[in-house]
Amino acid sequence: MSMISRSRCTLTVTLTQKSGVIERKFFETNNSNEMQWKVVSRNSSSTPSISRLSNSELIWTTNHVPSVSFTRSFATDSSGRDLPPKKNSDGADKSPISWKLLIVALGLAGGMLLWMKIVKKQKEERIEKSRQKYLGKAKLGGDWTLIDHFGNKRSSTDFRGQWLLIYFGFTHCPDICPEEIEKIVKVINKTDSIETLPKIQPMIISVDPERDTPEALKEYCSEFSPRLLGFTGTTEEISAATRAYRVYFSAGPKDEDKDYIVDHSIISYLVNPHGEFVDFYGKDKTVDQMYASIHLHIKKYLNELKTQQS
């Protein structure tokens, strides 16, 4: 038996006999569709009549054939409607993405992420190495003598044996100085919470000696932390301290109320217990970055000190 069409299928013939009537049921399989065709014959020898088959041509070559092959262009049900394609045996369409492909894709993504982290770390190490090389050559820091916010004459030598974090600013600074001092205070609070770390003395040295009296500094420092210590002095004394750390500052023009802004460097300086400049931190540094750097410098200093003593 053959039926002319575009795709090839296989029919399995099932013969049943009821009251002298032979029914031949054809079960079609073509990996995507399953369909039953029924051909009825009134006796075993006569040419069968077709009970349901539209828009196709069917020709019997023998009455009793266990299986035949044919081709067809489409299949219809008894009403002539097109039949939907058969689903997979599990009742769901196969996904175009297999588990193997998914695992490979995840592996590639993980490898790419790891590679990016390695590249980023190497870049940061190169930057830090270059920075440390520069710091080793920089001639920053030095002794100074100023007046603290309690009105006492103090020298940098009075703080030998202590770590210092020095910021140059002024009390009338509208926004930048408060932000930087708040950042310094947060760093100090973090280091104070670690019992194994020595106490660091935060300081602000005024670049506006005309307005920043000891009293003004005392009130200003109390707004941030009782640990913050303010310093002021004469114009010559302030200039000597700023030159030691290469701090730029310049007072702007005064307005009608005699008010003015002082333009200055926005940098904090880390000084070790020997009074030596160790590192600096600009406006772009975060609290965590400053803390990590300071922690590293202190650890390195303590290790060198143990080596010298042994």
Protein backbone atom coordinates (compact mmCIF):
# COMPACT_ATOMS: atom_id res chain seq x y z
CA MET A 1 0.00 0.00 0.00
CA SER A 2 1.33 3.46 -0.81
CA MET A 3 0.28 7.03 -0.34
CA ILE A 4 2.11 9.73 -2.26
CA SER A 5 3.54 12.58 -0.17
CA ARG A 6 6.69 14.51 0.81
CA SER A 7 7.76 12.75 4.06
CA ARG A 8 8.24 9.06 4.73
CA CYS A 9 6.41 7.24 7.52
CA THR A 10 5.80 3.65 8.63
CA LEU A 11 2.40 2.01 9.08
CA THR A 12 1.75 -1.04 11.22
CA VAL A 13 -1.32 -3.02 10.18
CA THR A 14 -3.60 -4.62 12.74
CA LEU A 15 -6.32 -7.00 11.43
CA THR A 16 -9.47 -7.63 13.40
CA GLN A 17 -12.59 -9.48 12.26
CA LYS A 18 -16.07 -8.76 13.59
CA SER A 19 -19.19 -10.39 12.02
CA GLY A 20 -17.39 -11.11 8.77
CA VAL A 21 -16.00 -7.62 8.50
CA ILE A 22 -12.25 -7.23 8.45
CA GLU A 23 -10.89 -3.96 9.84
CA ARG A 24 -7.33 -3.08 9.09
CA LYS A 25 -6.01 -0.41 11.42
CA PHE A 26 -2.81 1.32 10.38
CA PHE A 27 -0.67 2.83 13.11
CA GLU A 28 1.61 5.50 11.72
CA THR A 29 4.96 6.46 13.28
CA ASN A 30 7.32 9.12 11.93
CA ASN A 31 9.10 10.35 15.12
CA SER A 32 6.88 13.39 15.41
CA ASN A 33 3.33 12.22 14.72
CA GLU A 34 1.23 9.21 15.65
CA MET A 35 -1.94 8.57 13.71
CA GLN A 36 -4.39 5.71 13.20
CA TRP A 37 -5.88 4.92 9.80
CA LYS A 38 -8.75 2.43 9.43
CA VAL A 39 -9.57 0.61 6.21
CA VAL A 40 -12.69 -1.63 6.20
CA SER A 41 -13.17 -4.71 3.99
CA ARG A 42 -16.47 -6.66 3.87
CA ASN A 43 -14.60 -9.93 3.29
CA SER A 44 -11.05 -11.07 3.30
CA SER A 45 -10.64 -11.25 -0.45
CA SER A 46 -12.43 -8.15 -1.68
CA THR A 47 -10.73 -4.89 -2.35
CA PRO A 48 -11.09 -2.83 0.80
CA SER A 49 -13.17 0.30 0.94
CA ILE A 50 -11.66 3.37 2.61
CA SER A 51 -13.68 4.63 5.55
CA ARG A 52 -11.58 7.74 6.23
CA LEU A 53 -8.85 9.28 4.17
CA SER A 54 -8.96 12.70 2.54
CA ASN A 55 -6.70 14.54 0.12
CA SER A 56 -4.55 11.43 -0.22
CA GLU A 57 -4.38 8.46 -2.56
CA LEU A 58 -4.49 4.92 -1.17
CA ILE A 59 -3.92 1.80 -3.26
CA TRP A 60 -3.99 -1.77 -1.86
CA THR A 61 -1.50 -4.21 -3.28
CA THR A 62 -2.53 -7.15 -1.06
CA ASN A 63 -5.18 -7.93 1.52
CA HIS A 64 -3.07 -9.32 4.34
CA VAL A 65 0.14 -7.36 4.87
CA PRO A 66 1.58 -7.11 8.41
CA SER A 67 3.27 -3.78 7.66
CA VAL A 68 3.68 -1.42 4.76
CA SER A 69 5.42 1.87 4.03
CA PHE A 70 3.99 4.91 2.36
CA THR A 71 4.61 8.63 1.92
CA ARG A 72 2.24 11.49 2.66
CA SER A 73 2.16 15.25 2.61
CA PHE A 74 -0.22 15.71 5.56
CA ALA A 75 -2.60 13.80 7.81
CA THR A 76 -6.17 14.55 8.73
CA ASP A 77 -8.67 13.16 11.17
CA SER A 78 -12.12 11.84 10.35
CA SER A 79 -13.46 15.38 9.97
CA GLY A 80 -10.73 16.37 7.57
CA ARG A 81 -8.92 18.67 9.99
CA ASP A 82 -5.14 18.73 10.21
CA LEU A 83 -3.76 16.79 13.14
CA PRO A 84 -1.39 18.49 15.63
CA PRO A 85 2.18 17.17 15.89
CA LYS A 86 2.77 14.54 18.51
CA LYS A 87 4.57 15.51 21.71
CA ASN A 88 7.44 13.56 23.14
CA SER A 89 6.72 10.43 25.13
CA ASP A 90 7.21 12.35 28.37
CA GLY A 91 4.56 14.86 27.35
CA ALA A 92 6.94 17.81 26.97
CA ASP A 93 8.83 19.28 24.04
CA LYS A 94 12.56 18.81 24.08
CA SER A 95 14.45 21.90 25.20
CA PRO A 96 16.97 23.26 22.69
CA ILE A 97 19.41 23.77 25.62
CA SER A 98 20.74 20.60 27.17
CA TRP A 99 22.24 20.24 30.64
CA LYS A 100 25.65 19.71 29.12
CA LEU A 101 25.48 22.99 27.22
CA LEU A 102 24.29 24.76 30.37
CA ILE A 103 27.18 23.36 32.42
CA VAL A 104 29.67 24.39 29.73
CA ALA A 105 28.18 27.89 29.60
CA LEU A 106 28.35 28.26 33.39
CA GLY A 107 31.92 27.00 33.38
CA LEU A 108 32.92 29.57 30.75
CA ALA A 109 31.17 32.36 32.65
CA GLY A 110 32.90 31.37 35.89
CA GLY A 111 36.27 31.23 34.16
CA MET A 112 35.73 34.67 32.64
CA LEU A 113 34.78 36.12 36.03
CA LEU A 114 37.86 34.61 37.67
CA TRP A 115 40.07 35.95 34.90
CA MET A 116 38.63 39.45 35.32
CA LYS A 117 39.27 39.33 39.08
CA ILE A 118 42.87 38.24 38.51
CA VAL A 119 43.46 41.02 35.98
CA LYS A 120 41.92 43.59 38.36
CA LYS A 121 44.09 42.39 41.25
CA GLN A 122 47.23 42.51 39.13
CA LYS A 123 46.38 46.05 38.05
CA GLU A 124 45.83 47.15 41.65
CA GLU A 125 49.13 45.55 42.67
CA ARG A 126 50.96 47.41 39.89
CA ILE A 127 49.37 50.70 40.95
CA GLU A 128 50.21 50.10 44.62
CA LYS A 129 53.77 49.09 43.76
CA SER A 130 54.23 52.25 41.72
CA ARG A 131 52.67 54.29 44.53
CA GLN A 132 54.95 52.78 47.15
CA LYS A 133 57.93 53.46 44.89
CA TYR A 134 56.87 57.08 44.70
CA LEU A 135 56.32 57.30 48.45
CA GLY A 136 59.80 55.92 49.05
CA LYS A 137 61.25 58.82 47.08
CA ALA A 138 58.93 61.51 48.43
CA LYS A 139 60.51 63.75 51.04
CA LEU A 140 57.43 64.59 53.05
CA GLY A 141 56.94 65.33 56.70
CA GLY A 142 59.00 67.09 59.30
CA ASP A 143 58.84 68.70 62.70
CA TRP A 144 56.51 71.56 63.52
CA THR A 145 55.49 73.62 66.54
CA LEU A 146 51.90 74.85 66.93
CA ILE A 147 49.20 75.59 69.52
CA ASP A 148 46.59 72.93 70.23
CA HIS A 149 42.93 73.70 70.79
CA PHE A 150 43.49 73.72 74.56
CA GLY A 151 45.89 76.66 74.12
CA ASN A 152 49.04 74.61 74.77
CA LYS A 153 52.23 74.99 72.77
CA ARG A 154 52.90 71.56 71.25
CA SER A 155 55.57 70.15 68.98
CA SER A 156 55.46 67.17 66.67
CA THR A 157 58.18 65.63 68.81
CA ASP A 158 55.67 65.45 71.68
CA PHE A 159 53.89 62.72 69.74
CA ARG A 160 56.84 60.40 69.22
CA GLY A 161 55.78 56.82 69.86
CA GLN A 162 52.31 57.48 68.44
CA TRP A 163 50.76 57.02 65.03
CA LEU A 164 49.32 60.26 63.63
CA LEU A 165 46.71 60.90 60.96
CA ILE A 166 47.00 64.57 60.02
CA TYR A 167 44.57 66.61 57.93
CA PHE A 168 45.04 70.25 56.84
CA GLY A 169 41.81 72.27 56.72
CA PHE A 170 39.88 75.11 58.35
CA THR A 171 36.75 75.52 60.46
CA HIS A 172 34.86 77.69 57.96
CA CYS A 173 35.16 75.08 55.20
CA PRO A 174 31.58 74.56 53.93
CA ASP A 175 31.59 70.91 52.87
CA ILE A 176 34.87 69.21 51.92
CA CYS A 177 36.60 69.51 55.29
CA PRO A 178 33.64 68.16 57.29
CA GLU A 179 33.35 65.21 54.89
CA GLU A 180 37.05 64.38 55.13
CA ILE A 181 37.14 64.76 58.92
CA GLU A 182 34.10 62.51 59.28
CA LYS A 183 35.91 59.94 57.15
CA ILE A 184 39.00 60.18 59.35
CA VAL A 185 36.89 59.73 62.49
CA LYS A 186 35.29 56.59 61.03
CA VAL A 187 38.73 55.19 60.25
CA ILE A 188 39.89 55.93 63.79
CA ASN A 189 36.80 54.27 65.23
CA LYS A 190 37.58 51.13 63.22
CA THR A 191 41.19 51.01 64.35
CA ASP A 192 40.17 51.68 67.96
CA SER A 193 37.88 48.66 67.84
CA ILE A 194 40.86 46.37 67.12
CA GLU A 195 42.66 45.68 70.39
CA THR A 196 45.82 44.52 68.66
CA LEU A 197 46.25 47.86 66.85
CA PRO A 198 47.86 50.85 68.56
CA LYS A 199 45.85 54.04 69.03
CA ILE A 200 46.14 56.57 66.22
CA GLN A 201 45.93 60.28 67.01
CA PRO A 202 43.78 62.19 64.50
CA MET A 203 44.70 65.84 63.96
CA ILE A 204 43.56 68.86 62.00
CA ILE A 205 46.08 71.61 61.35
CA SER A 206 44.43 74.86 60.36
CA VAL A 207 45.35 76.65 57.13
CA ASP A 208 43.34 79.68 58.26
CA PRO A 209 45.24 81.11 61.26
CA GLU A 210 43.41 84.43 61.00
CA ARG A 211 40.03 82.97 62.04
CA ASP A 212 40.89 79.59 63.58
CA THR A 213 41.66 80.43 67.17
CA PRO A 214 42.19 77.64 69.74
CA GLU A 215 38.64 78.25 71.00
CA ALA A 216 37.16 77.99 67.50
CA LEU A 217 39.09 74.79 66.86
CA LYS A 218 38.01 73.28 70.19
CA GLU A 219 34.35 73.83 69.39
CA TYR A 220 34.83 72.56 65.83
CA CYS A 221 36.63 69.36 66.87
CA SER A 222 34.00 68.55 69.50
CA GLU A 223 31.41 68.27 66.74
CA PHE A 224 33.22 65.27 65.28
CA SER A 225 35.03 63.32 68.01
CA PRO A 226 36.64 63.86 71.43
CA ARG A 227 39.67 62.08 69.97
CA LEU A 228 40.22 64.78 67.32
CA LEU A 229 42.90 67.33 68.19
CA GLY A 230 43.08 70.75 66.48
CA PHE A 231 46.16 72.92 65.93
CA THR A 232 46.67 76.52 64.91
CA GLY A 233 49.43 79.10 65.13
CA THR A 234 50.89 82.14 63.50
CA THR A 235 51.00 82.48 59.73
CA GLU A 236 54.72 81.63 59.80
CA GLU A 237 54.18 78.54 61.96
CA ILE A 238 51.35 77.29 59.74
CA SER A 239 53.44 77.93 56.63
CA ALA A 240 56.33 75.90 58.06
CA ALA A 241 54.05 72.92 58.79
CA THR A 242 52.40 73.05 55.35
CA ARG A 243 55.78 73.28 53.60
CA ALA A 244 56.96 70.16 55.43
CA TYR A 245 54.05 68.20 53.96
CA ARG A 246 53.91 70.15 50.69
CA VAL A 247 50.38 71.29 51.36
CA TYR A 248 49.00 73.99 49.10
CA PHE A 249 46.69 76.64 50.55
CA SER A 250 45.58 80.08 49.44
CA ALA A 251 42.97 82.41 50.93
CA GLY A 252 40.43 83.73 48.46
CA PRO A 253 39.03 87.29 48.20
CA LYS A 254 36.87 88.56 51.05
CA ASP A 255 33.23 89.46 50.53
CA GLU A 256 31.27 92.29 52.14
CA ASP A 257 31.01 90.35 55.40
CA LYS A 258 34.77 89.77 55.48
CA ASP A 259 34.09 86.10 54.76
CA TYR A 260 36.35 84.09 52.46
CA ILE A 261 37.20 80.57 51.38
CA VAL A 262 40.63 78.99 51.67
CA ASP A 263 41.65 76.79 48.77
CA HIS A 264 43.87 73.94 49.96
CA SER A 265 45.07 70.40 49.32
CA ILE A 266 42.59 67.70 50.33
CA ILE A 267 44.96 65.08 51.75
CA SER A 268 45.41 63.15 55.00
CA TYR A 269 48.91 62.08 56.05
CA LEU A 270 49.88 58.98 58.01
CA VAL A 271 52.93 59.40 60.28
CA ASN A 272 54.61 56.55 62.17
CA PRO A 273 55.85 56.60 65.80
CA HIS A 274 59.28 57.79 64.60
CA GLY A 275 57.70 60.93 63.17
CA GLU A 276 58.23 59.67 59.62
CA PHE A 277 55.77 60.14 56.82
CA VAL A 278 54.35 56.78 55.73
CA ASP A 279 51.41 57.31 53.38
CA PHE A 280 48.78 59.80 52.23
CA TYR A 281 45.09 59.53 51.37
CA GLY A 282 43.19 61.76 48.99
CA LYS A 283 39.53 62.57 48.67
CA ASP A 284 38.94 59.51 46.46
CA LYS A 285 39.92 57.04 49.21
CA THR A 286 37.11 55.36 51.12
CA VAL A 287 37.02 54.54 54.82
CA ASP A 288 37.65 50.85 54.13
CA GLN A 289 40.56 51.60 51.79
CA MET A 290 42.19 53.90 54.32
CA TYR A 291 41.67 51.41 57.13
CA ALA A 292 43.14 48.54 55.10
CA SER A 293 46.19 50.61 54.17
CA ILE A 294 46.79 51.86 57.71
CA HIS A 295 46.36 48.35 59.11
CA LEU A 296 48.93 47.06 56.61
CA HIS A 297 51.45 49.80 57.44
CA ILE A 298 51.12 49.21 61.18
CA LYS A 299 51.53 45.46 60.74
CA LYS A 300 54.61 45.99 58.57
CA TYR A 301 56.06 48.42 61.10
CA LEU A 302 55.53 46.02 64.02
CA ASN A 303 57.11 43.13 62.09
CA GLU A 304 60.18 45.23 61.30
CA LEU A 305 60.40 46.29 64.92
CA LYS A 306 60.34 42.65 66.08
CA THR A 307 63.05 41.78 63.55
CA GLN A 308 65.27 44.57 64.85
CA GLN A 309 64.78 43.53 68.47
CA SER A 310 65.52 39.84 67.84
